[in-house]
Amino acid sequence: MDANGYSDPFVKIYLKPDMGKKAKYKTQIKKKTLNPEFNEEFSYEVKHAELAKKTLDISVWDYDMGKSNDFIGGCQLGITAKGECLKHWYECLKNKDKKIERWHVLLNQNNTEADD
C-alpha cells in the first residue's frame, strides 16, 4: 500500500523456461485499489508435451511512477509447485484446451524480474 492508503496493482505472467518476448504478459494497472479484479485472459502457443516442463510464474506488483515497482506477492504453477498450485497444474495438463480457474494465496517470494 502506498502513502495514500491505496495500491496501483498489476500482474505479470511469465512462462519459463524463457520463450522470449512471447513468454511474458502484463495486465493493466488497477488504480487506487486494495481489492483489484483482473478479468484478463492470456494464452501461449506451446505443444502439450512441452507444457509439463514449463513453469507459470504469476506475480502481483504495485506500480510506482518514477521509482521501482513494489512486489506484493506471487505464486508458481508447474511441476515444482506444491499443494494447491501443483494440483492446479496437474488439472491443467490433464484437461487440454479447457479453461481451469482457481484462486491461489500469494506468497512473499519473487521469482520475476522487477522492471521488465
N, C-alpha and C. Protein backbone atom coordinates (compact mmCIF):
# COMPACT_ATOMS: atom_id res chain seq x y z
N MET A 1 0.84 -1.17 0.00
CA MET A 1 0.00 0.00 0.00
C MET A 1 0.89 1.24 0.00
N ASP A 2 0.47 2.22 -0.78
CA ASP A 2 1.22 3.48 -0.85
C ASP A 2 0.82 4.40 0.30
N ALA A 3 1.47 5.55 0.38
CA ALA A 3 1.19 6.52 1.46
C ALA A 3 -0.26 7.00 1.44
N ASN A 4 -0.91 6.98 0.27
CA ASN A 4 -2.30 7.43 0.18
C ASN A 4 -3.29 6.37 0.67
N GLY A 5 -2.79 5.21 1.12
CA GLY A 5 -3.66 4.16 1.63
C GLY A 5 -4.14 3.18 0.57
N TYR A 6 -3.75 3.42 -0.67
CA TYR A 6 -4.16 2.56 -1.77
C TYR A 6 -2.94 1.92 -2.43
N SER A 7 -3.24 1.11 -3.42
CA SER A 7 -2.21 0.48 -4.21
C SER A 7 -2.62 0.60 -5.67
N ASP A 8 -1.67 0.50 -6.58
CA ASP A 8 -1.94 0.50 -8.02
C ASP A 8 -1.41 -0.82 -8.59
N PRO A 9 -2.12 -1.93 -8.30
CA PRO A 9 -1.59 -3.24 -8.65
C PRO A 9 -1.73 -3.61 -10.12
N PHE A 10 -0.80 -4.47 -10.55
CA PHE A 10 -0.88 -5.13 -11.85
C PHE A 10 -0.23 -6.50 -11.70
N VAL A 11 -0.47 -7.37 -12.66
CA VAL A 11 0.02 -8.74 -12.60
C VAL A 11 0.96 -9.02 -13.77
N LYS A 12 2.05 -9.72 -13.48
CA LYS A 12 2.96 -10.20 -14.51
C LYS A 12 2.83 -11.72 -14.58
N ILE A 13 2.75 -12.23 -15.80
CA ILE A 13 2.69 -13.66 -16.02
C ILE A 13 3.86 -14.03 -16.92
N TYR A 14 4.61 -15.04 -16.52
CA TYR A 14 5.84 -15.40 -17.22
C TYR A 14 5.94 -16.91 -17.32
N LEU A 15 5.98 -17.44 -18.54
CA LEU A 15 6.13 -18.87 -18.74
C LEU A 15 7.61 -19.20 -18.91
N LYS A 16 8.12 -20.05 -18.02
CA LYS A 16 9.54 -20.40 -18.01
C LYS A 16 9.71 -21.88 -18.38
N PRO A 17 10.82 -22.36 -18.87
CA PRO A 17 11.96 -21.58 -19.28
C PRO A 17 11.59 -20.61 -20.39
N ASP A 18 12.39 -19.59 -20.49
CA ASP A 18 12.11 -18.44 -21.34
C ASP A 18 11.83 -18.82 -22.79
N MET A 19 10.77 -18.24 -23.32
CA MET A 19 10.42 -18.38 -24.73
C MET A 19 10.53 -17.02 -25.43
N GLY A 20 11.35 -16.14 -24.88
CA GLY A 20 11.49 -14.80 -25.45
C GLY A 20 10.34 -13.90 -25.03
N LYS A 21 10.07 -12.89 -25.83
CA LYS A 21 9.01 -11.91 -25.52
C LYS A 21 7.64 -12.55 -25.44
N LYS A 22 7.42 -13.65 -26.15
CA LYS A 22 6.13 -14.32 -26.16
C LYS A 22 5.81 -14.98 -24.82
N ALA A 23 6.79 -15.07 -23.93
CA ALA A 23 6.62 -15.75 -22.65
C ALA A 23 6.04 -14.84 -21.58
N LYS A 24 6.02 -13.52 -21.83
CA LYS A 24 5.64 -12.56 -20.79
C LYS A 24 4.37 -11.81 -21.13
N TYR A 25 3.51 -11.66 -20.12
CA TYR A 25 2.31 -10.85 -20.24
C TYR A 25 2.22 -9.95 -19.01
N LYS A 26 1.56 -8.82 -19.18
CA LYS A 26 1.34 -7.90 -18.07
C LYS A 26 -0.09 -7.37 -18.18
N THR A 27 -0.82 -7.35 -17.07
CA THR A 27 -2.18 -6.82 -17.08
C THR A 27 -2.15 -5.29 -17.04
N GLN A 28 -3.32 -4.71 -17.18
CA GLN A 28 -3.46 -3.28 -16.99
C GLN A 28 -3.31 -2.98 -15.50
N ILE A 29 -2.90 -1.75 -15.19
CA ILE A 29 -2.78 -1.31 -13.79
C ILE A 29 -4.17 -0.94 -13.29
N LYS A 30 -4.53 -1.43 -12.11
CA LYS A 30 -5.79 -1.06 -11.47
C LYS A 30 -5.47 0.05 -10.47
N LYS A 31 -5.91 1.25 -10.76
CA LYS A 31 -5.55 2.43 -9.97
C LYS A 31 -6.30 2.49 -8.64
N LYS A 32 -5.57 2.89 -7.59
CA LYS A 32 -6.11 3.19 -6.26
C LYS A 32 -7.09 2.16 -5.72
N THR A 33 -6.61 0.94 -5.56
CA THR A 33 -7.46 -0.12 -5.00
C THR A 33 -6.63 -1.10 -4.18
N LEU A 34 -7.26 -1.66 -3.17
CA LEU A 34 -6.65 -2.73 -2.39
C LEU A 34 -7.29 -4.07 -2.71
N ASN A 35 -8.35 -4.05 -3.55
CA ASN A 35 -9.07 -5.26 -3.93
C ASN A 35 -9.28 -5.33 -5.44
N PRO A 36 -8.20 -5.47 -6.18
CA PRO A 36 -8.34 -5.46 -7.64
C PRO A 36 -8.93 -6.77 -8.18
N GLU A 37 -9.59 -6.68 -9.31
CA GLU A 37 -10.03 -7.85 -10.05
C GLU A 37 -9.45 -7.73 -11.45
N PHE A 38 -8.74 -8.77 -11.86
CA PHE A 38 -8.12 -8.80 -13.18
C PHE A 38 -8.86 -9.81 -14.03
N ASN A 39 -9.77 -9.35 -14.84
CA ASN A 39 -10.53 -10.24 -15.72
C ASN A 39 -9.92 -10.19 -17.12
N GLU A 40 -8.68 -10.57 -17.19
CA GLU A 40 -7.95 -10.57 -18.46
C GLU A 40 -7.49 -11.99 -18.76
N GLU A 41 -7.50 -12.33 -20.03
CA GLU A 41 -7.07 -13.66 -20.45
C GLU A 41 -5.76 -13.57 -21.23
N PHE A 42 -5.01 -14.63 -21.20
CA PHE A 42 -3.77 -14.73 -21.95
C PHE A 42 -3.62 -16.18 -22.41
N SER A 43 -2.85 -16.38 -23.46
CA SER A 43 -2.63 -17.75 -23.94
C SER A 43 -1.22 -17.87 -24.49
N TYR A 44 -0.74 -19.11 -24.52
CA TYR A 44 0.59 -19.41 -25.03
C TYR A 44 0.48 -20.48 -26.10
N GLU A 45 1.34 -20.39 -27.11
CA GLU A 45 1.44 -21.41 -28.14
C GLU A 45 2.52 -22.39 -27.70
N VAL A 46 2.10 -23.46 -27.04
CA VAL A 46 3.05 -24.45 -26.53
C VAL A 46 2.50 -25.84 -26.83
N LYS A 47 3.38 -26.71 -27.30
CA LYS A 47 2.97 -28.10 -27.51
C LYS A 47 2.63 -28.71 -26.16
N HIS A 48 1.58 -29.51 -26.13
CA HIS A 48 1.12 -30.09 -24.87
C HIS A 48 2.22 -30.92 -24.21
N ALA A 49 3.00 -31.64 -25.00
CA ALA A 49 4.09 -32.46 -24.45
C ALA A 49 5.16 -31.61 -23.77
N GLU A 50 5.37 -30.38 -24.24
CA GLU A 50 6.38 -29.50 -23.65
C GLU A 50 5.85 -28.76 -22.41
N LEU A 51 4.55 -28.66 -22.30
CA LEU A 51 3.95 -27.90 -21.21
C LEU A 51 4.32 -28.44 -19.83
N ALA A 52 4.45 -29.75 -19.71
CA ALA A 52 4.79 -30.36 -18.42
C ALA A 52 6.15 -29.89 -17.90
N LYS A 53 7.04 -29.45 -18.81
CA LYS A 53 8.37 -28.99 -18.41
C LYS A 53 8.41 -27.50 -18.10
N LYS A 54 7.29 -26.82 -18.27
CA LYS A 54 7.24 -25.37 -18.09
C LYS A 54 6.75 -25.01 -16.69
N THR A 55 7.01 -23.77 -16.30
CA THR A 55 6.51 -23.21 -15.05
C THR A 55 5.86 -21.87 -15.36
N LEU A 56 4.66 -21.66 -14.83
CA LEU A 56 3.96 -20.39 -15.00
C LEU A 56 4.15 -19.59 -13.72
N ASP A 57 4.89 -18.49 -13.85
CA ASP A 57 5.18 -17.62 -12.72
C ASP A 57 4.20 -16.45 -12.73
N ILE A 58 3.45 -16.27 -11.66
CA ILE A 58 2.44 -15.21 -11.55
C ILE A 58 2.85 -14.31 -10.40
N SER A 59 3.02 -13.03 -10.68
CA SER A 59 3.42 -12.10 -9.62
C SER A 59 2.57 -10.83 -9.67
N VAL A 60 2.28 -10.28 -8.50
CA VAL A 60 1.48 -9.07 -8.37
C VAL A 60 2.39 -7.95 -7.88
N TRP A 61 2.28 -6.79 -8.53
CA TRP A 61 3.15 -5.66 -8.27
C TRP A 61 2.33 -4.41 -8.01
N ASP A 62 2.89 -3.50 -7.23
CA ASP A 62 2.30 -2.17 -7.02
C ASP A 62 3.07 -1.20 -7.90
N TYR A 63 2.38 -0.58 -8.85
CA TYR A 63 3.01 0.37 -9.76
C TYR A 63 3.35 1.65 -9.01
N ASP A 64 4.58 2.10 -9.14
CA ASP A 64 5.03 3.36 -8.55
C ASP A 64 5.69 4.20 -9.63
N MET A 65 5.07 5.32 -9.98
CA MET A 65 5.60 6.18 -11.02
C MET A 65 6.91 6.82 -10.56
N GLY A 66 7.93 6.74 -11.41
CA GLY A 66 9.20 7.38 -11.12
C GLY A 66 10.15 6.59 -10.25
N LYS A 67 9.73 5.44 -9.74
CA LYS A 67 10.64 4.58 -8.97
C LYS A 67 10.28 3.13 -9.24
N SER A 68 11.06 2.21 -8.69
CA SER A 68 10.80 0.80 -8.99
C SER A 68 9.50 0.33 -8.36
N ASN A 69 8.83 -0.57 -9.06
CA ASN A 69 7.57 -1.12 -8.59
C ASN A 69 7.80 -2.03 -7.39
N ASP A 70 6.81 -2.09 -6.50
CA ASP A 70 6.92 -2.91 -5.29
C ASP A 70 6.28 -4.27 -5.51
N PHE A 71 7.01 -5.32 -5.16
CA PHE A 71 6.48 -6.68 -5.24
C PHE A 71 5.46 -6.87 -4.13
N ILE A 72 4.27 -7.37 -4.48
CA ILE A 72 3.22 -7.64 -3.49
C ILE A 72 3.21 -9.12 -3.11
N GLY A 73 3.24 -9.99 -4.11
CA GLY A 73 3.23 -11.43 -3.85
C GLY A 73 3.08 -12.19 -5.14
N GLY A 74 3.18 -13.51 -5.07
CA GLY A 74 3.05 -14.29 -6.28
C GLY A 74 2.89 -15.77 -6.00
N CYS A 75 2.76 -16.53 -7.07
CA CYS A 75 2.72 -17.99 -6.96
C CYS A 75 3.22 -18.58 -8.27
N GLN A 76 3.55 -19.86 -8.22
CA GLN A 76 4.02 -20.56 -9.40
C GLN A 76 3.17 -21.80 -9.62
N LEU A 77 2.83 -22.03 -10.88
CA LEU A 77 2.17 -23.27 -11.28
C LEU A 77 3.18 -24.04 -12.12
N GLY A 78 3.38 -25.30 -11.78
CA GLY A 78 4.34 -26.10 -12.52
C GLY A 78 4.69 -27.35 -11.75
N ILE A 79 5.55 -28.15 -12.32
CA ILE A 79 5.91 -29.44 -11.74
C ILE A 79 6.64 -29.28 -10.41
N THR A 80 7.28 -28.13 -10.18
CA THR A 80 7.99 -27.91 -8.92
C THR A 80 7.12 -27.22 -7.86
N ALA A 81 5.87 -26.91 -8.23
CA ALA A 81 4.95 -26.26 -7.28
C ALA A 81 4.56 -27.24 -6.17
N LYS A 82 3.91 -26.71 -5.16
CA LYS A 82 3.46 -27.54 -4.03
C LYS A 82 1.98 -27.28 -3.76
N GLY A 83 1.34 -28.22 -3.08
CA GLY A 83 -0.03 -28.04 -2.62
C GLY A 83 -1.03 -27.75 -3.73
N GLU A 84 -1.88 -26.74 -3.50
CA GLU A 84 -2.94 -26.39 -4.43
C GLU A 84 -2.41 -25.94 -5.79
N CYS A 85 -1.25 -25.28 -5.80
CA CYS A 85 -0.67 -24.84 -7.08
C CYS A 85 -0.29 -26.04 -7.94
N LEU A 86 0.26 -27.08 -7.32
CA LEU A 86 0.62 -28.29 -8.05
C LEU A 86 -0.63 -29.02 -8.55
N LYS A 87 -1.66 -29.09 -7.71
CA LYS A 87 -2.93 -29.72 -8.12
C LYS A 87 -3.51 -28.99 -9.32
N HIS A 88 -3.48 -27.67 -9.28
CA HIS A 88 -4.00 -26.86 -10.38
C HIS A 88 -3.22 -27.15 -11.66
N TRP A 89 -1.90 -27.24 -11.56
CA TRP A 89 -1.07 -27.50 -12.73
C TRP A 89 -1.40 -28.87 -13.34
N TYR A 90 -1.52 -29.89 -12.48
CA TYR A 90 -1.87 -31.23 -12.98
C TYR A 90 -3.23 -31.22 -13.67
N GLU A 91 -4.17 -30.48 -13.09
CA GLU A 91 -5.51 -30.40 -13.68
C GLU A 91 -5.46 -29.73 -15.05
N CYS A 92 -4.61 -28.71 -15.20
CA CYS A 92 -4.44 -28.05 -16.49
C CYS A 92 -3.84 -29.01 -17.52
N LEU A 93 -2.84 -29.78 -17.10
CA LEU A 93 -2.21 -30.74 -18.01
C LEU A 93 -3.18 -31.84 -18.42
N LYS A 94 -4.01 -32.25 -17.50
CA LYS A 94 -4.96 -33.33 -17.75
C LYS A 94 -6.11 -32.90 -18.65
N ASN A 95 -6.49 -31.64 -18.60
CA ASN A 95 -7.65 -31.12 -19.34
C ASN A 95 -7.21 -30.17 -20.45
N LYS A 96 -6.60 -30.72 -21.46
CA LYS A 96 -6.09 -29.96 -22.60
C LYS A 96 -7.21 -29.11 -23.23
N ASP A 97 -6.88 -27.86 -23.57
CA ASP A 97 -7.80 -26.93 -24.25
C ASP A 97 -9.03 -26.56 -23.41
N LYS A 98 -8.94 -26.71 -22.10
CA LYS A 98 -10.06 -26.34 -21.22
C LYS A 98 -9.58 -25.27 -20.25
N LYS A 99 -10.40 -24.28 -19.99
CA LYS A 99 -10.05 -23.22 -19.05
C LYS A 99 -10.25 -23.74 -17.62
N ILE A 100 -9.20 -23.66 -16.82
CA ILE A 100 -9.25 -24.11 -15.43
C ILE A 100 -8.95 -22.89 -14.54
N GLU A 101 -9.94 -22.44 -13.78
CA GLU A 101 -9.75 -21.25 -12.94
C GLU A 101 -9.69 -21.65 -11.47
N ARG A 102 -8.75 -21.06 -10.75
CA ARG A 102 -8.58 -21.31 -9.31
C ARG A 102 -8.08 -20.04 -8.63
N TRP A 103 -8.36 -19.91 -7.35
CA TRP A 103 -7.79 -18.86 -6.50
C TRP A 103 -6.55 -19.43 -5.84
N HIS A 104 -5.51 -18.59 -5.70
CA HIS A 104 -4.28 -19.02 -5.02
C HIS A 104 -3.83 -17.96 -4.04
N VAL A 105 -3.24 -18.40 -2.95
CA VAL A 105 -2.66 -17.50 -1.97
C VAL A 105 -1.35 -16.96 -2.54
N LEU A 106 -1.14 -15.65 -2.40
CA LEU A 106 0.11 -15.06 -2.87
C LEU A 106 1.20 -15.29 -1.84
N LEU A 107 2.34 -15.75 -2.29
CA LEU A 107 3.48 -15.97 -1.41
C LEU A 107 4.41 -14.77 -1.50
N ASN A 108 5.25 -14.62 -0.51
CA ASN A 108 6.12 -13.45 -0.42
C ASN A 108 7.49 -13.68 -1.04
N GLN A 109 7.56 -14.50 -2.09
CA GLN A 109 8.85 -14.72 -2.75
C GLN A 109 8.72 -14.31 -4.21
N ASN A 110 9.71 -13.60 -4.68
CA ASN A 110 9.70 -13.04 -6.02
C ASN A 110 10.60 -13.86 -6.94
N ASN A 111 10.01 -14.40 -8.01
CA ASN A 111 10.76 -15.17 -8.99
C ASN A 111 10.83 -14.47 -10.34
N THR A 112 10.38 -13.22 -10.40
CA THR A 112 10.30 -12.46 -11.64
C THR A 112 11.15 -11.21 -11.53
N GLU A 113 11.67 -10.76 -12.66
CA GLU A 113 12.45 -9.53 -12.68
C GLU A 113 11.55 -8.35 -12.32
N ALA A 114 12.09 -7.36 -11.62
CA ALA A 114 11.31 -6.24 -11.11
C ALA A 114 10.77 -5.31 -12.18
N ASP A 115 11.55 -4.90 -13.13
CA ASP A 115 11.13 -3.86 -14.06
C ASP A 115 11.28 -4.24 -15.52
N ASP A 116 10.62 -5.29 -15.94
CA ASP A 116 10.70 -5.61 -17.37
C ASP A 116 9.39 -5.32 -18.05
